[in-house]
């Protein structure tokens, strides 16, 4: 008997601009306080793209021109999940998390 343990990484929506920069995403929450999920996320500008949320202890790469060029090309398929830039995961911090570099 084989037992497989799958750890699903959290994925969120980001708005990817033409130059590879990120712009704010607008998410609408449900009408009840009991359901903490968000229902619909939209991009007022930019392209709606899926990106992984950084795991505990993980930080995204520094936002610079090279990263923007990489994000533009890597996000062409609508997803940044699984992409790495210079050995850094291309992830986004969970909302409210402080940025700390090792």
N, C-alpha and C. Protein backbone atom coordinates (compact mmCIF):
# COMPACT_ATOMS: atom_id res chain seq x y z
N UNK A 1 0.83 -1.17 0.00
CA UNK A 1 0.00 0.00 0.00
C UNK A 1 0.89 1.24 0.00
N UNK A 2 0.60 2.18 -0.88
CA UNK A 2 1.34 3.43 -0.95
C UNK A 2 0.52 4.54 -0.31
N UNK A 3 1.19 5.32 0.48
CA UNK A 3 0.54 6.47 1.10
C UNK A 3 1.22 7.73 0.58
N UNK A 4 0.45 8.62 0.00
CA UNK A 4 1.02 9.87 -0.54
C UNK A 4 0.53 11.02 0.32
N UNK A 5 1.45 11.87 0.69
CA UNK A 5 1.12 13.06 1.44
C UNK A 5 1.30 14.26 0.53
N UNK A 6 0.23 14.96 0.26
CA UNK A 6 0.27 16.12 -0.62
C UNK A 6 0.06 17.36 0.23
N UNK A 7 0.99 18.26 0.15
CA UNK A 7 0.85 19.54 0.84
C UNK A 7 0.53 20.59 -0.21
N UNK A 8 -0.67 21.05 -0.21
CA UNK A 8 -1.08 22.04 -1.20
C UNK A 8 -0.62 23.42 -0.78
N UNK A 9 0.10 24.08 -1.66
CA UNK A 9 0.53 25.44 -1.40
C UNK A 9 -0.64 26.38 -1.65
N UNK A 10 -0.71 27.41 -0.84
CA UNK A 10 -1.77 28.40 -1.01
C UNK A 10 -1.47 29.23 -2.26
N UNK A 11 -2.50 29.52 -3.01
CA UNK A 11 -2.37 30.30 -4.24
C UNK A 11 -3.30 31.50 -4.12
N UNK A 12 -2.84 32.64 -4.60
CA UNK A 12 -3.64 33.86 -4.56
C UNK A 12 -3.65 34.52 -5.93
N UNK A 13 -4.45 35.53 -6.07
CA UNK A 13 -4.54 36.27 -7.33
C UNK A 13 -3.73 37.55 -7.23
N UNK A 14 -2.92 37.83 -8.24
CA UNK A 14 -2.19 39.09 -8.35
C UNK A 14 -2.51 39.70 -9.72
N UNK A 15 -2.28 41.00 -9.81
CA UNK A 15 -2.49 41.69 -11.09
C UNK A 15 -1.11 42.01 -11.67
N UNK A 16 -0.83 41.45 -12.82
CA UNK A 16 0.47 41.59 -13.47
C UNK A 16 0.37 42.61 -14.61
N UNK A 17 1.12 43.69 -14.49
CA UNK A 17 1.11 44.74 -15.50
C UNK A 17 1.96 44.32 -16.71
N UNK A 18 1.87 45.07 -17.79
CA UNK A 18 2.59 44.77 -19.03
C UNK A 18 4.11 44.75 -18.80
N UNK A 19 4.61 45.62 -17.91
CA UNK A 19 6.05 45.67 -17.65
C UNK A 19 6.52 44.64 -16.63
N UNK A 20 5.61 43.83 -16.08
CA UNK A 20 5.98 42.81 -15.11
C UNK A 20 5.81 43.23 -13.67
N UNK A 21 5.41 44.47 -13.42
CA UNK A 21 5.19 44.92 -12.05
C UNK A 21 3.82 44.46 -11.57
N UNK A 22 3.63 44.46 -10.26
CA UNK A 22 2.37 44.05 -9.67
C UNK A 22 1.54 45.27 -9.32
N UNK A 23 0.26 45.22 -9.59
CA UNK A 23 -0.65 46.28 -9.21
C UNK A 23 -1.68 45.69 -8.24
N UNK A 24 -2.38 46.55 -7.50
CA UNK A 24 -3.32 46.05 -6.49
C UNK A 24 -4.46 45.25 -7.09
N UNK A 25 -4.86 44.23 -6.36
CA UNK A 25 -6.00 43.40 -6.74
C UNK A 25 -7.18 43.81 -5.85
N UNK A 26 -8.38 43.76 -6.40
CA UNK A 26 -9.58 44.10 -5.65
C UNK A 26 -10.39 42.83 -5.44
N UNK A 27 -10.57 42.45 -4.18
CA UNK A 27 -11.33 41.24 -3.86
C UNK A 27 -12.57 41.60 -3.08
N UNK A 28 -13.68 40.97 -3.41
CA UNK A 28 -14.94 41.18 -2.71
C UNK A 28 -15.15 40.02 -1.75
N UNK A 29 -15.42 40.36 -0.50
CA UNK A 29 -15.66 39.34 0.53
C UNK A 29 -17.14 38.98 0.55
N UNK A 30 -17.46 37.80 1.04
CA UNK A 30 -18.86 37.41 1.15
C UNK A 30 -19.59 38.29 2.17
N UNK A 31 -20.91 38.27 2.14
CA UNK A 31 -21.72 39.11 2.99
C UNK A 31 -21.80 38.66 4.44
N UNK A 32 -21.27 37.52 4.77
CA UNK A 32 -21.35 37.02 6.14
C UNK A 32 -19.99 37.00 6.82
N UNK A 33 -19.97 37.25 8.10
CA UNK A 33 -18.71 37.21 8.85
C UNK A 33 -18.27 35.78 9.14
N UNK A 34 -19.14 34.82 9.01
CA UNK A 34 -18.81 33.43 9.31
C UNK A 34 -17.95 32.78 8.24
N UNK A 35 -18.04 33.29 7.03
CA UNK A 35 -17.28 32.74 5.91
C UNK A 35 -16.12 33.70 5.60
N UNK A 36 -14.88 33.32 5.94
CA UNK A 36 -13.73 34.20 5.80
C UNK A 36 -13.14 34.19 4.39
N UNK A 37 -13.65 33.35 3.51
CA UNK A 37 -13.10 33.27 2.15
C UNK A 37 -13.47 34.50 1.33
N UNK A 38 -12.65 34.80 0.34
CA UNK A 38 -13.03 35.84 -0.61
C UNK A 38 -13.66 35.17 -1.81
N UNK A 39 -14.61 35.83 -2.43
CA UNK A 39 -15.32 35.21 -3.53
C UNK A 39 -14.75 35.57 -4.89
N UNK A 40 -14.60 36.86 -5.14
CA UNK A 40 -14.20 37.30 -6.47
C UNK A 40 -13.06 38.29 -6.36
N UNK A 41 -11.99 38.04 -7.11
CA UNK A 41 -10.88 38.97 -7.17
C UNK A 41 -10.75 39.46 -8.60
N UNK A 42 -10.63 40.78 -8.74
CA UNK A 42 -10.53 41.39 -10.07
C UNK A 42 -9.32 42.30 -10.14
N UNK A 43 -8.88 42.53 -11.35
CA UNK A 43 -7.76 43.44 -11.61
C UNK A 43 -8.28 44.68 -12.33
N UNK A 44 -8.29 45.84 -11.63
CA UNK A 44 -8.70 47.07 -12.30
C UNK A 44 -7.77 47.41 -13.46
N UNK A 45 -6.49 47.08 -13.29
CA UNK A 45 -5.52 47.22 -14.38
C UNK A 45 -4.59 46.02 -14.31
N UNK A 46 -4.02 45.66 -15.42
CA UNK A 46 -3.14 44.49 -15.44
C UNK A 46 -3.90 43.21 -15.72
N UNK A 47 -3.13 42.14 -15.79
CA UNK A 47 -3.67 40.83 -16.13
C UNK A 47 -3.80 39.98 -14.88
N UNK A 48 -4.93 39.35 -14.70
CA UNK A 48 -5.16 38.47 -13.55
C UNK A 48 -4.26 37.25 -13.68
N UNK A 49 -3.46 37.01 -12.64
CA UNK A 49 -2.46 35.94 -12.64
C UNK A 49 -2.47 35.24 -11.30
N UNK A 50 -2.29 33.93 -11.30
CA UNK A 50 -2.19 33.18 -10.05
C UNK A 50 -0.74 33.17 -9.59
N UNK A 51 -0.54 33.34 -8.28
CA UNK A 51 0.80 33.31 -7.70
C UNK A 51 0.74 32.58 -6.36
N UNK A 52 1.80 31.84 -6.04
CA UNK A 52 1.80 31.15 -4.75
C UNK A 52 2.05 32.13 -3.61
N UNK A 53 1.46 31.82 -2.45
CA UNK A 53 1.72 32.59 -1.24
C UNK A 53 2.98 32.01 -0.62
N UNK A 54 3.89 32.88 -0.18
CA UNK A 54 5.14 32.42 0.41
C UNK A 54 4.87 31.58 1.66
N UNK A 55 5.56 30.46 1.76
CA UNK A 55 5.44 29.59 2.92
C UNK A 55 6.15 30.23 4.11
N UNK A 56 5.96 29.68 5.27
CA UNK A 56 6.62 30.20 6.47
C UNK A 56 8.13 30.18 6.28
N UNK A 57 8.78 31.31 6.53
CA UNK A 57 10.22 31.43 6.38
C UNK A 57 10.68 31.74 4.96
N UNK A 58 9.77 31.78 4.02
CA UNK A 58 10.09 32.06 2.62
C UNK A 58 9.84 33.54 2.34
N UNK A 59 10.71 34.15 1.58
CA UNK A 59 10.51 35.55 1.19
C UNK A 59 10.61 35.66 -0.33
N UNK A 60 9.87 36.59 -0.91
CA UNK A 60 9.96 36.78 -2.36
C UNK A 60 11.27 37.47 -2.73
N UNK A 61 11.69 37.38 -3.98
CA UNK A 61 12.90 38.09 -4.40
C UNK A 61 12.69 39.59 -4.36
N UNK A 62 13.78 40.33 -4.28
CA UNK A 62 13.70 41.80 -4.29
C UNK A 62 13.09 42.26 -5.61
N UNK A 63 12.20 43.23 -5.52
CA UNK A 63 11.52 43.73 -6.71
C UNK A 63 12.45 44.68 -7.46
N UNK A 64 12.94 44.23 -8.61
CA UNK A 64 13.83 45.06 -9.44
C UNK A 64 13.47 44.83 -10.91
N UNK A 65 14.18 45.50 -11.79
CA UNK A 65 13.88 45.42 -13.22
C UNK A 65 14.00 44.00 -13.77
N UNK A 66 15.04 43.27 -13.35
CA UNK A 66 15.23 41.90 -13.84
C UNK A 66 14.07 41.01 -13.42
N UNK A 67 13.58 41.18 -12.20
CA UNK A 67 12.44 40.39 -11.73
C UNK A 67 11.19 40.73 -12.53
N UNK A 68 10.98 42.00 -12.83
CA UNK A 68 9.81 42.40 -13.61
C UNK A 68 9.83 41.77 -15.00
N UNK A 69 11.00 41.74 -15.64
CA UNK A 69 11.13 41.12 -16.96
C UNK A 69 10.82 39.62 -16.85
N UNK A 70 11.36 38.99 -15.81
CA UNK A 70 11.11 37.56 -15.59
C UNK A 70 9.63 37.29 -15.35
N UNK A 71 9.00 38.10 -14.47
CA UNK A 71 7.58 37.91 -14.16
C UNK A 71 6.71 38.09 -15.40
N UNK A 72 7.06 39.05 -16.25
CA UNK A 72 6.28 39.28 -17.47
C UNK A 72 6.30 38.04 -18.35
N UNK A 73 7.48 37.44 -18.52
CA UNK A 73 7.59 36.25 -19.37
C UNK A 73 7.00 35.02 -18.70
N UNK A 74 7.29 34.83 -17.40
CA UNK A 74 6.80 33.64 -16.69
C UNK A 74 5.29 33.68 -16.50
N UNK A 75 4.72 34.88 -16.36
CA UNK A 75 3.29 35.01 -16.14
C UNK A 75 2.46 35.03 -17.40
N UNK A 76 3.09 34.85 -18.55
CA UNK A 76 2.36 34.87 -19.82
C UNK A 76 1.31 33.76 -19.89
N UNK A 77 1.51 32.68 -19.14
CA UNK A 77 0.55 31.58 -19.14
C UNK A 77 -0.55 31.76 -18.09
N UNK A 78 -0.53 32.90 -17.36
CA UNK A 78 -1.55 33.16 -16.36
C UNK A 78 -1.22 32.65 -14.98
N UNK A 79 0.01 32.14 -14.79
CA UNK A 79 0.38 31.60 -13.50
C UNK A 79 1.87 31.80 -13.22
N UNK A 80 2.18 32.10 -11.96
CA UNK A 80 3.57 32.16 -11.51
C UNK A 80 3.89 31.00 -10.57
N UNK A 81 2.96 30.08 -10.43
CA UNK A 81 3.12 28.94 -9.53
C UNK A 81 4.25 28.05 -10.03
N UNK A 82 5.21 27.76 -9.17
CA UNK A 82 6.34 26.90 -9.52
C UNK A 82 7.50 27.61 -10.17
N UNK A 83 7.37 28.89 -10.47
CA UNK A 83 8.46 29.64 -11.11
C UNK A 83 9.47 30.12 -10.07
N UNK A 84 10.75 30.11 -10.46
CA UNK A 84 11.82 30.57 -9.57
C UNK A 84 12.68 31.57 -10.32
N UNK A 85 13.09 32.63 -9.62
CA UNK A 85 13.93 33.68 -10.17
C UNK A 85 15.21 33.72 -9.37
N UNK A 86 16.34 33.40 -10.00
CA UNK A 86 17.65 33.39 -9.35
C UNK A 86 17.59 32.64 -8.02
N UNK A 87 17.04 31.45 -8.03
CA UNK A 87 16.91 30.56 -6.89
C UNK A 87 15.98 31.08 -5.79
N UNK A 88 15.18 32.08 -6.09
CA UNK A 88 14.16 32.58 -5.16
C UNK A 88 12.80 32.15 -5.69
N UNK A 89 11.89 31.73 -4.82
CA UNK A 89 10.54 31.43 -5.29
C UNK A 89 9.82 32.71 -5.67
N UNK A 90 9.11 32.69 -6.76
CA UNK A 90 8.33 33.86 -7.17
C UNK A 90 6.99 33.75 -6.46
N UNK A 91 6.97 34.21 -5.21
CA UNK A 91 5.77 34.12 -4.39
C UNK A 91 5.42 35.50 -3.85
N UNK A 92 4.25 35.61 -3.26
CA UNK A 92 3.82 36.86 -2.65
C UNK A 92 3.61 36.62 -1.16
N UNK A 93 3.89 37.65 -0.39
CA UNK A 93 3.71 37.55 1.05
C UNK A 93 2.23 37.51 1.39
N UNK A 94 1.88 36.75 2.44
CA UNK A 94 0.49 36.80 2.88
C UNK A 94 0.16 38.21 3.36
N UNK A 95 -1.05 38.64 3.21
CA UNK A 95 -1.39 40.01 3.60
C UNK A 95 -1.12 40.23 5.08
N UNK A 96 -0.48 41.37 5.36
CA UNK A 96 -0.15 41.73 6.74
C UNK A 96 1.18 41.19 7.23
N UNK A 97 1.88 40.40 6.41
CA UNK A 97 3.16 39.82 6.85
C UNK A 97 4.30 40.80 6.60
N UNK A 98 5.18 40.99 7.59
CA UNK A 98 6.34 41.88 7.38
C UNK A 98 7.39 41.20 6.51
N UNK A 99 8.12 41.99 5.75
CA UNK A 99 9.17 41.46 4.89
C UNK A 99 10.47 41.39 5.66
N UNK A 100 11.05 40.20 5.74
CA UNK A 100 12.34 40.01 6.42
C UNK A 100 13.26 39.24 5.50
N UNK A 101 14.42 39.74 5.30
CA UNK A 101 15.43 39.07 4.47
C UNK A 101 16.42 38.35 5.36
N UNK A 102 16.87 37.15 4.96
CA UNK A 102 17.87 36.43 5.76
C UNK A 102 19.22 37.09 5.69
